[in-house]
Structures are given as structure tokens and as C-alpha cells.
PDB file of N, CA and C in Angstrom:
ATOM      1  N   MET A   1       8.432 -22.786 -15.276  1.00  0.00           N
ATOM      2  CA  MET A   1       7.707 -21.523 -15.240  1.00  0.00           C
ATOM      3  C   MET A   1       8.138 -20.756 -13.989  1.00  0.00           C
ATOM      4  N   ALA A   2       8.812 -19.613 -14.188  1.00  0.00           N
ATOM      5  CA  ALA A   2       9.298 -18.794 -13.084  1.00  0.00           C
ATOM      6  C   ALA A   2       8.186 -17.889 -12.562  1.00  0.00           C
ATOM      7  N   VAL A   3       8.131 -17.767 -11.234  1.00  0.00           N
ATOM      8  CA  VAL A   3       7.135 -16.914 -10.579  1.00  0.00           C
ATOM      9  C   VAL A   3       7.865 -15.723  -9.968  1.00  0.00           C
ATOM     10  N   ALA A   4       7.272 -14.529 -10.093  1.00  0.00           N
ATOM     11  CA  ALA A   4       7.877 -13.311  -9.563  1.00  0.00           C
ATOM     12  C   ALA A   4       6.788 -12.412  -8.998  1.00  0.00           C
ATOM     13  N   LEU A   5       7.210 -11.392  -8.255  1.00  0.00           N
ATOM     14  CA  LEU A   5       6.284 -10.394  -7.726  1.00  0.00           C
ATOM     15  C   LEU A   5       6.188  -9.242  -8.711  1.00  0.00           C
ATOM     16  N   PHE A   6       4.940  -8.796  -8.972  1.00  0.00           N
ATOM     17  CA  PHE A   6       4.700  -7.691  -9.883  1.00  0.00           C
ATOM     18  C   PHE A   6       3.803  -6.666  -9.212  1.00  0.00           C
ATOM     19  N   ARG A   7       4.091  -5.372  -9.462  1.00  0.00           N
ATOM     20  CA  ARG A   7       3.309  -4.276  -8.901  1.00  0.00           C
ATOM     21  C   ARG A   7       2.273  -3.812  -9.919  1.00  0.00           C
ATOM     22  N   HIS A   8       1.012  -3.709  -9.456  1.00  0.00           N
ATOM     23  CA  HIS A   8      -0.054  -3.202 -10.314  1.00  0.00           C
ATOM     24  C   HIS A   8       0.170  -1.706 -10.536  1.00  0.00           C
ATOM     25  N   PRO A   9      -0.165  -1.184 -11.712  1.00  0.00           N
ATOM     26  CA  PRO A   9       0.099   0.234 -12.008  1.00  0.00           C
ATOM     27  C   PRO A   9      -0.574   1.236 -11.074  1.00  0.00           C
ATOM     28  N   HIS A  10      -1.782   0.931 -10.542  1.00  0.00           N
ATOM     29  CA  HIS A  10      -2.436   1.935  -9.699  1.00  0.00           C
ATOM     30  C   HIS A  10      -3.279   1.365  -8.576  1.00  0.00           C
ATOM     31  N   LEU A  11      -3.593   0.099  -8.554  1.00  0.00           N
ATOM     32  CA  LEU A  11      -4.404  -0.468  -7.469  1.00  0.00           C
ATOM     33  C   LEU A  11      -3.528  -0.955  -6.326  1.00  0.00           C
ATOM     34  N   ILE A  12      -4.078  -0.887  -5.119  1.00  0.00           N
ATOM     35  CA  ILE A  12      -3.352  -1.298  -3.925  1.00  0.00           C
ATOM     36  C   ILE A  12      -3.855  -2.644  -3.397  1.00  0.00           C
ATOM     37  N   ARG A  13      -5.163  -2.812  -3.374  1.00  0.00           N
ATOM     38  CA  ARG A  13      -5.750  -3.981  -2.747  1.00  0.00           C
ATOM     39  C   ARG A  13      -6.961  -4.436  -3.542  1.00  0.00           C
ATOM     40  N   GLY A  14      -7.200  -5.735  -3.553  1.00  0.00           N
ATOM     41  CA  GLY A  14      -8.399  -6.262  -4.190  1.00  0.00           C
ATOM     42  C   GLY A  14      -8.090  -7.351  -5.197  1.00  0.00           C
ATOM     43  N   VAL A  15      -9.075  -7.648  -6.013  1.00  0.00           N
ATOM     44  CA  VAL A  15      -8.957  -8.683  -7.032  1.00  0.00           C
ATOM     45  C   VAL A  15      -9.005  -8.023  -8.403  1.00  0.00           C
ATOM     46  N   VAL A  16      -8.049  -8.368  -9.247  1.00  0.00           N
ATOM     47  CA  VAL A  16      -7.983  -7.848 -10.612  1.00  0.00           C
ATOM     48  C   VAL A  16      -8.275  -9.007 -11.556  1.00  0.00           C
ATOM     49  N   HIS A  17      -9.220  -8.807 -12.460  1.00  0.00           N
ATOM     50  CA  HIS A  17      -9.558  -9.832 -13.442  1.00  0.00           C
ATOM     51  C   HIS A  17      -8.795  -9.543 -14.729  1.00  0.00           C
ATOM     52  N   THR A  18      -7.967 -10.485 -15.159  1.00  0.00           N
ATOM     53  CA  THR A  18      -7.141 -10.339 -16.356  1.00  0.00           C
ATOM     54  C   THR A  18      -7.527 -11.432 -17.354  1.00  0.00           C
ATOM     55  N   PRO A  19      -7.036 -11.348 -18.571  1.00  0.00           N
ATOM     56  CA  PRO A  19      -7.281 -12.428 -19.532  1.00  0.00           C
ATOM     57  C   PRO A  19      -6.677 -13.764 -19.085  1.00  0.00           C
ATOM     58  N   PHE A  20      -5.747 -13.719 -18.131  1.00  0.00           N
ATOM     59  CA  PHE A  20      -5.094 -14.927 -17.628  1.00  0.00           C
ATOM     60  C   PHE A  20      -5.772 -15.480 -16.384  1.00  0.00           C
ATOM     61  N   GLY A  21      -6.770 -14.788 -15.873  1.00  0.00           N
ATOM     62  CA  GLY A  21      -7.466 -15.195 -14.666  1.00  0.00           C
ATOM     63  C   GLY A  21      -7.464 -14.085 -13.626  1.00  0.00           C
ATOM     64  N   ALA A  22      -8.075 -14.364 -12.483  1.00  0.00           N
ATOM     65  CA  ALA A  22      -8.162 -13.377 -11.404  1.00  0.00           C
ATOM     66  C   ALA A  22      -6.867 -13.375 -10.596  1.00  0.00           C
ATOM     67  N   VAL A  23      -6.461 -12.176 -10.165  1.00  0.00           N
ATOM     68  CA  VAL A  23      -5.229 -11.997  -9.398  1.00  0.00           C
ATOM     69  C   VAL A  23      -5.562 -11.218  -8.136  1.00  0.00           C
ATOM     70  N   MET A  24      -5.100 -11.703  -6.984  1.00  0.00           N
ATOM     71  CA  MET A  24      -5.312 -11.026  -5.707  1.00  0.00           C
ATOM     72  C   MET A  24      -4.131 -10.101  -5.428  1.00  0.00           C
ATOM     73  N   LEU A  25      -4.435  -8.823  -5.167  1.00  0.00           N
ATOM     74  CA  LEU A  25      -3.401  -7.833  -4.853  1.00  0.00           C
ATOM     75  C   LEU A  25      -3.332  -7.616  -3.351  1.00  0.00           C
ATOM     76  N   ASP A  26      -2.125  -7.495  -2.830  1.00  0.00           N
ATOM     77  CA  ASP A  26      -1.906  -7.112  -1.441  1.00  0.00           C
ATOM     78  C   ASP A  26      -0.797  -6.077  -1.436  1.00  0.00           C
ATOM     79  N   ARG A  27      -1.120  -4.856  -0.991  1.00  0.00           N
ATOM     80  CA  ARG A  27      -0.181  -3.739  -0.982  1.00  0.00           C
ATOM     81  C   ARG A  27       0.331  -3.433  -2.379  1.00  0.00           C
ATOM     82  N   GLY A  28      -0.548  -3.643  -3.377  1.00  0.00           N
ATOM     83  CA  GLY A  28      -0.220  -3.321  -4.756  1.00  0.00           C
ATOM     84  C   GLY A  28       0.594  -4.368  -5.485  1.00  0.00           C
ATOM     85  N   VAL A  29       0.878  -5.496  -4.830  1.00  0.00           N
ATOM     86  CA  VAL A  29       1.767  -6.507  -5.394  1.00  0.00           C
ATOM     87  C   VAL A  29       1.034  -7.837  -5.521  1.00  0.00           C
ATOM     88  N   ALA A  30       1.343  -8.569  -6.602  1.00  0.00           N
ATOM     89  CA  ALA A  30       0.782  -9.898  -6.818  1.00  0.00           C
ATOM     90  C   ALA A  30       1.893 -10.843  -7.261  1.00  0.00           C
ATOM     91  N   GLU A  31       1.768 -12.091  -6.878  1.00  0.00           N
ATOM     92  CA  GLU A  31       2.712 -13.113  -7.309  1.00  0.00           C
ATOM     93  C   GLU A  31       2.161 -13.746  -8.584  1.00  0.00           C
ATOM     94  N   LEU A  32       2.890 -13.613  -9.682  1.00  0.00           N
ATOM     95  CA  LEU A  32       2.443 -14.069 -10.993  1.00  0.00           C
ATOM     96  C   LEU A  32       3.559 -14.826 -11.702  1.00  0.00           C
ATOM     97  N   PRO A  33       3.180 -15.709 -12.614  1.00  0.00           N
ATOM     98  CA  PRO A  33       4.213 -16.244 -13.502  1.00  0.00           C
ATOM     99  C   PRO A  33       4.847 -15.091 -14.276  1.00  0.00           C
ATOM    100  N   GLN A  34       6.131 -15.180 -14.504  1.00  0.00           N
ATOM    101  CA  GLN A  34       6.866 -14.062 -15.097  1.00  0.00           C
ATOM    102  C   GLN A  34       6.309 -13.663 -16.460  1.00  0.00           C
ATOM    103  N   HIS A  35       5.927 -14.607 -17.287  1.00  0.00           N
ATOM    104  CA  HIS A  35       5.412 -14.253 -18.616  1.00  0.00           C
ATOM    105  C   HIS A  35       4.064 -13.536 -18.530  1.00  0.00           C
ATOM    106  N   VAL A  36       3.268 -13.832 -17.495  1.00  0.00           N
ATOM    107  CA  VAL A  36       1.969 -13.170 -17.325  1.00  0.00           C
ATOM    108  C   VAL A  36       2.172 -11.718 -16.898  1.00  0.00           C
ATOM    109  N   GLY A  37       3.000 -11.489 -15.879  1.00  0.00           N
ATOM    110  CA  GLY A  37       3.271 -10.125 -15.412  1.00  0.00           C
ATOM    111  C   GLY A  37       3.853  -9.240 -16.494  1.00  0.00           C
ATOM    112  N   GLU A  38       4.782  -9.792 -17.262  1.00  0.00           N
ATOM    113  CA  GLU A  38       5.389  -9.017 -18.344  1.00  0.00           C
ATOM    114  C   GLU A  38       4.388  -8.709 -19.450  1.00  0.00           C
ATOM    115  N   SER A  39       3.517  -9.670 -19.780  1.00  0.00           N
ATOM    116  CA  SER A  39       2.545  -9.422 -20.845  1.00  0.00           C
ATOM    117  C   SER A  39       1.485  -8.413 -20.417  1.00  0.00           C
ATOM    118  N   LEU A  40       1.217  -8.304 -19.114  1.00  0.00           N
ATOM    119  CA  LEU A  40       0.284  -7.300 -18.609  1.00  0.00           C
ATOM    120  C   LEU A  40       0.929  -5.921 -18.512  1.00  0.00           C
ATOM    121  N   GLY A  41       2.252  -5.871 -18.601  1.00  0.00           N
ATOM    122  CA  GLY A  41       2.959  -4.593 -18.529  1.00  0.00           C
ATOM    123  C   GLY A  41       3.206  -4.118 -17.110  1.00  0.00           C
ATOM    124  N   TRP A  42       3.074  -5.020 -16.128  1.00  0.00           N
ATOM    125  CA  TRP A  42       3.313  -4.650 -14.738  1.00  0.00           C
ATOM    126  C   TRP A  42       4.808  -4.655 -14.460  1.00  0.00           C
ATOM    127  N   VAL A  43       5.238  -3.851 -13.491  1.00  0.00           N
ATOM    128  CA  VAL A  43       6.647  -3.731 -13.131  1.00  0.00           C
ATOM    129  C   VAL A  43       7.015  -4.846 -12.160  1.00  0.00           C
ATOM    130  N   MET A  44       8.126  -5.536 -12.444  1.00  0.00           N
ATOM    131  CA  MET A  44       8.589  -6.587 -11.547  1.00  0.00           C
ATOM    132  C   MET A  44       9.186  -5.954 -10.295  1.00  0.00           C
ATOM    133  N   VAL A  45       8.890  -6.528  -9.143  1.00  0.00           N
ATOM    134  CA  VAL A  45       9.345  -6.014  -7.854  1.00  0.00           C
ATOM    135  C   VAL A  45      10.381  -6.976  -7.294  1.00  0.00           C
ATOM    136  N   SER A  46      11.488  -6.434  -6.793  1.00  0.00           N
ATOM    137  CA  SER A  46      12.484  -7.277  -6.140  1.00  0.00           C
ATOM    138  C   SER A  46      12.352  -7.128  -4.629  1.00  0.00           C
ATOM    139  N   ASP A  47      13.040  -7.965  -3.889  1.00  0.00           N
ATOM    140  CA  ASP A  47      12.974  -7.921  -2.420  1.00  0.00           C
ATOM    141  C   ASP A  47      13.568  -6.636  -1.856  1.00  0.00           C
ATOM    142  N   GLU A  48      14.465  -5.988  -2.599  1.00  0.00           N
ATOM    143  CA  GLU A  48      15.103  -4.763  -2.109  1.00  0.00           C
ATOM    144  C   GLU A  48      14.220  -3.543  -2.277  1.00  0.00           C
ATOM    145  N   ASP A  49      13.158  -3.648  -3.098  1.00  0.00           N
ATOM    146  CA  ASP A  49      12.283  -2.494  -3.324  1.00  0.00           C
ATOM    147  C   ASP A  49      11.574  -2.100  -2.045  1.00  0.00           C
ATOM    148  N   GLU A  50      11.330  -0.824  -1.918  1.00  0.00           N
ATOM    149  CA  GLU A  50      10.628  -0.267  -0.753  1.00  0.00           C
ATOM    150  C   GLU A  50       9.165  -0.698  -0.790  1.00  0.00           C
ATOM    151  N   PRO A  51       8.668  -1.344   0.266  1.00  0.00           N
ATOM    152  CA  PRO A  51       7.250  -1.709   0.279  1.00  0.00           C
ATOM    153  C   PRO A  51       6.366  -0.487   0.467  1.00  0.00           C
ATOM    154  N   LEU A  52       5.134  -0.592   0.034  1.00  0.00           N
ATOM    155  CA  LEU A  52       4.180   0.487   0.247  1.00  0.00           C
ATOM    156  C   LEU A  52       3.848   0.596   1.726  1.00  0.00           C
ATOM    157  N   PRO A  53       3.655   1.804   2.245  1.00  0.00           N
ATOM    158  CA  PRO A  53       3.315   1.947   3.667  1.00  0.00           C
ATOM    159  C   PRO A  53       1.932   1.378   3.947  1.00  0.00           C
ATOM    160  N   ARG A  54       1.782   0.777   5.105  1.00  0.00           N
ATOM    161  CA  ARG A  54       0.490   0.262   5.526  1.00  0.00           C
ATOM    162  C   ARG A  54      -0.326   1.424   6.048  1.00  0.00           C
ATOM    163  N   LEU A  55      -1.551   1.547   5.590  1.00  0.00           N
ATOM    164  CA  LEU A  55      -2.398   2.664   6.003  1.00  0.00           C
ATOM    165  C   LEU A  55      -2.711   2.609   7.486  1.00  0.00           C
ATOM    166  N   SER A  56      -2.905   1.417   8.032  1.00  0.00           N
ATOM    167  CA  SER A  56      -3.261   1.317   9.443  1.00  0.00           C
ATOM    168  C   SER A  56      -2.114   1.760  10.345  1.00  0.00           C
ATOM    169  N   GLY A  57      -0.885   1.596   9.925  1.00  0.00           N
ATOM    170  CA  GLY A  57       0.251   1.989  10.734  1.00  0.00           C
ATOM    171  C   GLY A  57       0.580   3.462  10.643  1.00  0.00           C
ATOM    172  N   SER A  58       0.032   4.154   9.655  1.00  0.00           N
ATOM    173  CA  SER A  58       0.381   5.559   9.471  1.00  0.00           C
ATOM    174  C   SER A  58      -0.603   6.515  10.127  1.00  0.00           C
ATOM    175  N   ARG A  59      -1.628   5.998  10.730  1.00  0.00           N
ATOM    176  CA  ARG A  59      -2.613   6.872  11.374  1.00  0.00           C
ATOM    177  C   ARG A  59      -2.091   7.380  12.706  1.00  0.00           C
ATOM    178  N   VAL A  60      -2.473   8.584  13.039  1.00  0.00           N
ATOM    179  CA  VAL A  60      -2.034   9.207  14.284  1.00  0.00           C
ATOM    180  C   VAL A  60      -3.251   9.379  15.179  1.00  0.00           C
ATOM    181  N   SER A  61      -3.111   8.948  16.407  1.00  0.00           N
ATOM    182  CA  SER A  61      -4.203   9.170  17.352  1.00  0.00           C
ATOM    183  C   SER A  61      -3.789  10.275  18.315  1.00  0.00           C
ATOM    184  N   VAL A  62      -4.735  11.113  18.667  1.00  0.00           N
ATOM    185  CA  VAL A  62      -4.470  12.244  19.555  1.00  0.00           C
ATOM    186  C   VAL A  62      -5.222  12.022  20.846  1.00  0.00           C
ATOM    187  N   ALA A  63      -4.511  12.099  21.957  1.00  0.00           N
ATOM    188  CA  ALA A  63      -5.151  11.978  23.265  1.00  0.00           C
ATOM    189  C   ALA A  63      -5.681  13.344  23.676  1.00  0.00           C
ATOM    190  N   HIS A  64      -6.901  13.383  24.146  1.00  0.00           N
ATOM    191  CA  HIS A  64      -7.517  14.640  24.562  1.00  0.00           C
ATOM    192  C   HIS A  64      -7.527  14.720  26.084  1.00  0.00           C
ATOM    193  N   ASN A  65      -6.943  15.792  26.598  1.00  0.00           N
ATOM    194  CA  ASN A  65      -7.003  16.040  28.037  1.00  0.00           C
ATOM    195  C   ASN A  65      -8.233  16.887  28.332  1.00  0.00           C
ATOM    196  N   SER A  66      -8.676  16.854  29.557  1.00  0.00           N
ATOM    197  CA  SER A  66      -9.879  17.604  29.913  1.00  0.00           C
ATOM    198  C   SER A  66      -9.642  19.116  29.905  1.00  0.00           C
ATOM    199  N   ASP A  67      -8.369  19.565  30.029  1.00  0.00           N
ATOM    200  CA  ASP A  67      -8.108  21.002  30.067  1.00  0.00           C
ATOM    201  C   ASP A  67      -7.635  21.567  28.725  1.00  0.00           C
ATOM    202  N   THR A  68      -7.689  20.798  27.646  1.00  0.00           N
ATOM    203  CA  THR A  68      -7.303  21.308  26.332  1.00  0.00           C
ATOM    204  C   THR A  68      -8.440  21.134  25.350  1.00  0.00           C
ATOM    205  N   SER A  69      -8.420  21.936  24.307  1.00  0.00           N
ATOM    206  CA  SER A  69      -9.399  21.796  23.238  1.00  0.00           C
ATOM    207  C   SER A  69      -8.669  21.443  21.953  1.00  0.00           C
ATOM    208  N   ALA A  70      -9.397  21.201  20.879  1.00  0.00           N
ATOM    209  CA  ALA A  70      -8.784  20.822  19.604  1.00  0.00           C
ATOM    210  C   ALA A  70      -7.863  21.918  19.080  1.00  0.00           C
ATOM    211  N   SER A  71      -8.199  23.196  19.327  1.00  0.00           N
ATOM    212  CA  SER A  71      -7.348  24.279  18.839  1.00  0.00           C
ATOM    213  C   SER A  71      -6.045  24.371  19.624  1.00  0.00           C
ATOM    214  N   ASP A  72      -6.023  23.858  20.858  1.00  0.00           N
ATOM    215  CA  ASP A  72      -4.824  23.910  21.675  1.00  0.00           C
ATOM    216  C   ASP A  72      -3.774  22.901  21.239  1.00  0.00           C
ATOM    217  N   THR A  73      -4.145  21.889  20.452  1.00  0.00           N
ATOM    218  CA  THR A  73      -3.197  20.839  20.084  1.00  0.00           C
ATOM    219  C   THR A  73      -2.284  21.261  18.947  1.00  0.00           C
ATOM    220  N   THR A  74      -2.591  22.341  18.227  1.00  0.00           N
ATOM    221  CA  THR A  74      -1.778  22.737  17.094  1.00  0.00           C
ATOM    222  C   THR A  74      -0.567  23.549  17.491  1.00  0.00           C
ATOM    223  N   ALA A  75      -0.634  24.351  18.530  1.00  0.00           N
ATOM    224  CA  ALA A  75       0.496  25.164  18.955  1.00  0.00           C
ATOM    225  C   ALA A  75       0.485  25.290  20.484  1.00  0.00           C
ATOM    226  N   PRO A  76       1.668  25.278  21.084  1.00  0.00           N
ATOM    227  CA  PRO A  76       1.709  25.413  22.551  1.00  0.00           C
ATOM    228  C   PRO A  76       1.310  26.827  22.983  1.00  0.00           C
ATOM    229  N   LYS A  77       0.701  26.918  24.153  1.00  0.00           N
ATOM    230  CA  LYS A  77       0.306  28.229  24.691  1.00  0.00           C
ATOM    231  C   LYS A  77       1.513  28.906  25.327  1.00  0.00           C
ATOM    232  N   SER A  78       1.621  30.192  25.131  1.00  0.00           N
ATOM    233  CA  SER A  78       2.674  30.943  25.818  1.00  0.00           C
ATOM    234  C   SER A  78       2.022  31.717  26.967  1.00  0.00           C
ATOM    235  N   GLN A  79       2.707  31.735  28.096  1.00  0.00           N
ATOM    236  CA  GLN A  79       2.117  32.366  29.288  1.00  0.00           C
ATOM    237  C   GLN A  79       2.803  33.645  29.621  1.00  0.00           C
TER     238      GLN A  79
END
């Protein structure tokens, strides 16, 4: 029985209950026996495929100085 990685059609994280049992998703991908993933209609993922971006890594933090306001961060002031 060959095992492969399969991408869920629209979910990113959580547990999916299928007729074959519960499957844990991480970044939209689950490790399943090949016949199970194919029968569910999920797309097989190879190692070369682009992984989904991590939400925690894509957040931007803005440092606030005491002499600037939120409106000042969008465009530089001209003097």
C-alpha cells in the first residue's frame, strides 16, 4: 500500500472526517494511502510543489515612533 501526500480542495488546517476515517490536515496537505486520496478526488502533491505560505510568517509588524502617527506611515513627509 503506497502512501502519498494529497491536498484538500479548500481546507487548510484541521480534521476532515471521510468514509475512510478521520484525516489531519496541515497546510492543506494530508498523508494518505494512494487509493484513498484518489477515491476522494484530492490532488496528489509532490515534493517539488510550492508549499502554502504560513500565515504567521506573512504578518507585518509596524514599529511606532513617538513623533509619527498612523497616517504618517503610508507616505513620507516632504519638507
